[in-house]
Structures are given as C-alpha cells and as structure tokens.
Amino acid sequence: MELESYLPVLLFIVMGCVVGFALLFLGSTIGPNRPDAEKLSPYECGFEAFEDARMKFDVRYYLVAILFILFDLEIAFLFPWAMANNQVGLLGFGTVMVFLAILVVGFIYEWKKGALDWE
C-alpha cells in the first residue's frame, strides 16, 4: 500500500485540527468575558421559567418530527431524478412512479392512523 498518497489527507486533517484549536484558544483568551447577574440568569421568553427544563415532551411531538424527517428525506431523492429525467427514460420514470406510490401509501397510512393529528 502506498502511504505517500495519504500524506495530503493526513496533512489536511492535522492542519484543520491545528487551525480549529487555535481559533478556540484565541476566542477564549482574547474575547470579552464580563458575566453579570443578568447574563447568567435563566432566560425563557422574557420571564422566569415556570417548569423544569428537563420536562418530558409528548410522544406525538417526536412522532411528527420523525415523520417529517422521513418524508423530507424521501422527497430529497426526487431531485437527482428530476435532473436526469431525460436520460433515465421510461424505466426510470416507472421506477420513480413506484417510489412515489409507496410514499403516498405510507402517507395515507400515517394519516389514517392519526399520527399527524396534534390533538
């Protein structure tokens, strides 16, 4: 194996770490650090917190967030197809239509199960 070909990658990683740590060090030493009572007080919408910051969220919040990420990422797969629409031909078009049909069936299933209802 030729280790000489990995030298630029190693040099790039080392220089990135050196520059990153140098900037962190310079920011912490040169930057202003004047904490006072107002800066150190807890902030939540302009008034004191009325609950613990580690309160539990409803599971539906996480479900909606996961479903958003899931459908958002699946829709992102359509962009390369749209860019290469002329080159993929009828087979590519059929494949994307099957993909979209599966997406629509999954969306309808989630909708019927009530996963998208917030209340």
C-alpha atoms as a PDB file:
ATOM      1  CA  MET A   1       0.000   0.000   0.000  1.00  0.00           C
ATOM      2  CA  GLU A   2       1.293   3.439  -0.885  1.00  0.00           C
ATOM      3  CA  LEU A   3       1.233   5.578   2.231  1.00  0.00           C
ATOM      4  CA  GLU A   4       2.579   8.580   0.322  1.00  0.00           C
ATOM      5  CA  SER A   5      -0.801   9.025  -1.357  1.00  0.00           C
ATOM      6  CA  TYR A   6      -2.434   9.546   2.051  1.00  0.00           C
ATOM      7  CA  LEU A   7       0.018  12.259   3.108  1.00  0.00           C
ATOM      8  CA  PRO A   8      -2.092  15.163   1.739  1.00  0.00           C
ATOM      9  CA  VAL A   9      -5.178  13.848   3.553  1.00  0.00           C
ATOM     10  CA  LEU A  10      -3.250  13.479   6.812  1.00  0.00           C
ATOM     11  CA  LEU A  11      -1.769  16.958   6.369  1.00  0.00           C
ATOM     12  CA  PHE A  12      -5.253  18.386   5.733  1.00  0.00           C
ATOM     13  CA  ILE A  13      -6.639  16.743   8.892  1.00  0.00           C
ATOM     14  CA  VAL A  14      -3.712  17.928  11.025  1.00  0.00           C
ATOM     15  CA  MET A  15      -3.914  21.491   9.697  1.00  0.00           C
ATOM     16  CA  GLY A  16      -7.688  21.545  10.222  1.00  0.00           C
ATOM     17  CA  CYS A  17      -7.261  20.461  13.844  1.00  0.00           C
ATOM     18  CA  VAL A  18      -4.472  22.991  14.454  1.00  0.00           C
ATOM     19  CA  VAL A  19      -6.478  25.867  12.970  1.00  0.00           C
ATOM     20  CA  GLY A  20      -9.637  24.805  14.856  1.00  0.00           C
ATOM     21  CA  PHE A  21      -7.910  24.600  18.230  1.00  0.00           C
ATOM     22  CA  ALA A  22      -6.018  27.836  17.577  1.00  0.00           C
ATOM     23  CA  LEU A  23      -9.276  29.665  16.878  1.00  0.00           C
ATOM     24  CA  LEU A  24     -10.905  28.213  20.002  1.00  0.00           C
ATOM     25  CA  PHE A  25      -7.906  29.234  22.110  1.00  0.00           C
ATOM     26  CA  LEU A  26      -7.778  32.742  20.650  1.00  0.00           C
ATOM     27  CA  GLY A  27     -11.516  33.225  21.098  1.00  0.00           C
ATOM     28  CA  SER A  28     -11.416  32.198  24.732  1.00  0.00           C
ATOM     29  CA  THR A  29      -8.366  34.315  25.578  1.00  0.00           C
ATOM     30  CA  ILE A  30      -8.967  37.459  23.524  1.00  0.00           C
ATOM     31  CA  GLY A  31     -12.789  37.549  23.565  1.00  0.00           C
ATOM     32  CA  PRO A  32     -14.636  39.613  26.143  1.00  0.00           C
ATOM     33  CA  ASN A  33     -15.721  37.764  29.260  1.00  0.00           C
ATOM     34  CA  ARG A  34     -17.755  40.009  31.532  1.00  0.00           C
ATOM     35  CA  PRO A  35     -20.527  37.927  33.077  1.00  0.00           C
ATOM     36  CA  ASP A  36     -23.022  39.656  35.311  1.00  0.00           C
ATOM     37  CA  ALA A  37     -26.215  38.602  37.061  1.00  0.00           C
ATOM     38  CA  GLU A  38     -28.378  39.455  34.055  1.00  0.00           C
ATOM     39  CA  LYS A  39     -26.296  37.389  31.641  1.00  0.00           C
ATOM     40  CA  LEU A  40     -26.136  34.413  33.968  1.00  0.00           C
ATOM     41  CA  SER A  41     -29.874  34.364  34.725  1.00  0.00           C
ATOM     42  CA  PRO A  42     -32.074  31.751  33.043  1.00  0.00           C
ATOM     43  CA  TYR A  43     -33.882  33.032  30.001  1.00  0.00           C
ATOM     44  CA  GLU A  44     -37.161  31.676  28.685  1.00  0.00           C
ATOM     45  CA  CYS A  45     -39.326  34.022  26.639  1.00  0.00           C
ATOM     46  CA  GLY A  46     -38.577  37.024  28.815  1.00  0.00           C
ATOM     47  CA  PHE A  47     -39.845  35.625  32.114  1.00  0.00           C
ATOM     48  CA  GLU A  48     -38.638  33.190  34.726  1.00  0.00           C
ATOM     49  CA  ALA A  49     -39.038  29.525  33.952  1.00  0.00           C
ATOM     50  CA  PHE A  50     -42.156  28.025  35.479  1.00  0.00           C
ATOM     51  CA  GLU A  51     -41.227  24.382  34.874  1.00  0.00           C
ATOM     52  CA  ASP A  52     -38.149  22.250  34.857  1.00  0.00           C
ATOM     53  CA  ALA A  53     -36.135  22.485  31.655  1.00  0.00           C
ATOM     54  CA  ARG A  54     -35.975  18.687  31.539  1.00  0.00           C
ATOM     55  CA  MET A  55     -39.726  18.185  31.316  1.00  0.00           C
ATOM     56  CA  LYS A  56     -40.989  15.358  29.160  1.00  0.00           C
ATOM     57  CA  PHE A  57     -42.399  16.094  25.742  1.00  0.00           C
ATOM     58  CA  ASP A  58     -45.399  14.334  24.349  1.00  0.00           C
ATOM     59  CA  VAL A  59     -44.540  11.325  22.185  1.00  0.00           C
ATOM     60  CA  ARG A  60     -46.607  12.807  19.352  1.00  0.00           C
ATOM     61  CA  TYR A  61     -44.070  15.626  19.029  1.00  0.00           C
ATOM     62  CA  TYR A  62     -41.302  13.123  18.348  1.00  0.00           C
ATOM     63  CA  LEU A  63     -43.535  11.115  16.007  1.00  0.00           C
ATOM     64  CA  VAL A  64     -44.371  14.154  13.901  1.00  0.00           C
ATOM     65  CA  ALA A  65     -40.707  15.185  13.841  1.00  0.00           C
ATOM     66  CA  ILE A  66     -39.568  11.726  12.736  1.00  0.00           C
ATOM     67  CA  LEU A  67     -42.278  11.551  10.090  1.00  0.00           C
ATOM     68  CA  PHE A  68     -41.272  14.968   8.784  1.00  0.00           C
ATOM     69  CA  ILE A  69     -37.644  13.917   8.516  1.00  0.00           C
ATOM     70  CA  LEU A  70     -38.611  10.630   6.901  1.00  0.00           C
ATOM     71  CA  PHE A  71     -40.820  12.159   4.214  1.00  0.00           C
ATOM     72  CA  ASP A  72     -38.459  15.100   3.716  1.00  0.00           C
ATOM     73  CA  LEU A  73     -35.520  12.781   3.029  1.00  0.00           C
ATOM     74  CA  GLU A  74     -37.577  10.623   0.734  1.00  0.00           C
ATOM     75  CA  ILE A  75     -38.647  13.649  -1.265  1.00  0.00           C
ATOM     76  CA  ALA A  76     -34.992  14.682  -1.496  1.00  0.00           C
ATOM     77  CA  PHE A  77     -34.399  11.521  -3.533  1.00  0.00           C
ATOM     78  CA  LEU A  78     -36.549  13.043  -6.276  1.00  0.00           C
ATOM     79  CA  PHE A  79     -34.100  15.845  -7.058  1.00  0.00           C
ATOM     80  CA  PRO A  80     -31.472  13.675  -8.795  1.00  0.00           C
ATOM     81  CA  TRP A  81     -34.221  12.011 -10.804  1.00  0.00           C
ATOM     82  CA  ALA A  82     -35.604  15.395 -11.854  1.00  0.00           C
ATOM     83  CA  MET A  83     -32.159  16.488 -13.019  1.00  0.00           C
ATOM     84  CA  ALA A  84     -31.627  13.299 -15.053  1.00  0.00           C
ATOM     85  CA  ASN A  85     -35.192  12.913 -16.247  1.00  0.00           C
ATOM     86  CA  ASN A  86     -34.261  12.946 -19.954  1.00  0.00           C
ATOM     87  CA  GLN A  87     -31.506  10.333 -19.537  1.00  0.00           C
ATOM     88  CA  VAL A  88     -33.328   7.702 -17.476  1.00  0.00           C
ATOM     89  CA  GLY A  89     -36.065   7.037 -19.987  1.00  0.00           C
ATOM     90  CA  LEU A  90     -39.290   5.140 -19.430  1.00  0.00           C
ATOM     91  CA  LEU A  91     -37.757   2.650 -16.979  1.00  0.00           C
ATOM     92  CA  GLY A  92     -36.565   5.485 -14.711  1.00  0.00           C
ATOM     93  CA  PHE A  93     -39.965   7.146 -14.931  1.00  0.00           C
ATOM     94  CA  GLY A  94     -41.697   3.904 -13.922  1.00  0.00           C
ATOM     95  CA  THR A  95     -39.297   3.389 -11.047  1.00  0.00           C
ATOM     96  CA  VAL A  96     -39.970   6.871  -9.682  1.00  0.00           C
ATOM     97  CA  MET A  97     -43.717   6.380 -10.046  1.00  0.00           C
ATOM     98  CA  VAL A  98     -43.473   3.197  -7.944  1.00  0.00           C
ATOM     99  CA  PHE A  99     -41.406   5.130  -5.400  1.00  0.00           C
ATOM    100  CA  LEU A 100     -43.996   7.917  -5.267  1.00  0.00           C
ATOM    101  CA  ALA A 101     -46.829   5.396  -4.972  1.00  0.00           C
ATOM    102  CA  ILE A 102     -45.115   3.838  -1.948  1.00  0.00           C
ATOM    103  CA  LEU A 103     -44.677   7.322  -0.467  1.00  0.00           C
ATOM    104  CA  VAL A 104     -48.340   8.153  -0.974  1.00  0.00           C
ATOM    105  CA  VAL A 105     -49.475   4.831   0.519  1.00  0.00           C
ATOM    106  CA  GLY A 106     -47.249   5.432   3.561  1.00  0.00           C
ATOM    107  CA  PHE A 107     -48.548   8.967   3.940  1.00  0.00           C
ATOM    108  CA  ILE A 108     -52.172   7.832   3.723  1.00  0.00           C
ATOM    109  CA  TYR A 109     -51.466   5.083   6.265  1.00  0.00           C
ATOM    110  CA  GLU A 110     -49.971   7.578   8.725  1.00  0.00           C
ATOM    111  CA  TRP A 111     -52.853   9.953   8.147  1.00  0.00           C
ATOM    112  CA  LYS A 112     -55.482   7.249   8.755  1.00  0.00           C
ATOM    113  CA  LYS A 113     -53.679   6.057  11.909  1.00  0.00           C
ATOM    114  CA  GLY A 114     -53.868   9.606  13.284  1.00  0.00           C
ATOM    115  CA  ALA A 115     -50.134  10.093  13.560  1.00  0.00           C
ATOM    116  CA  LEU A 116     -50.414  13.557  12.035  1.00  0.00           C
ATOM    117  CA  ASP A 117     -53.152  14.744  14.394  1.00  0.00           C
ATOM    118  CA  TRP A 118     -51.673  17.012  17.014  1.00  0.00           C
ATOM    119  CA  GLU A 119     -54.616  16.975  19.433  1.00  0.00           C
END
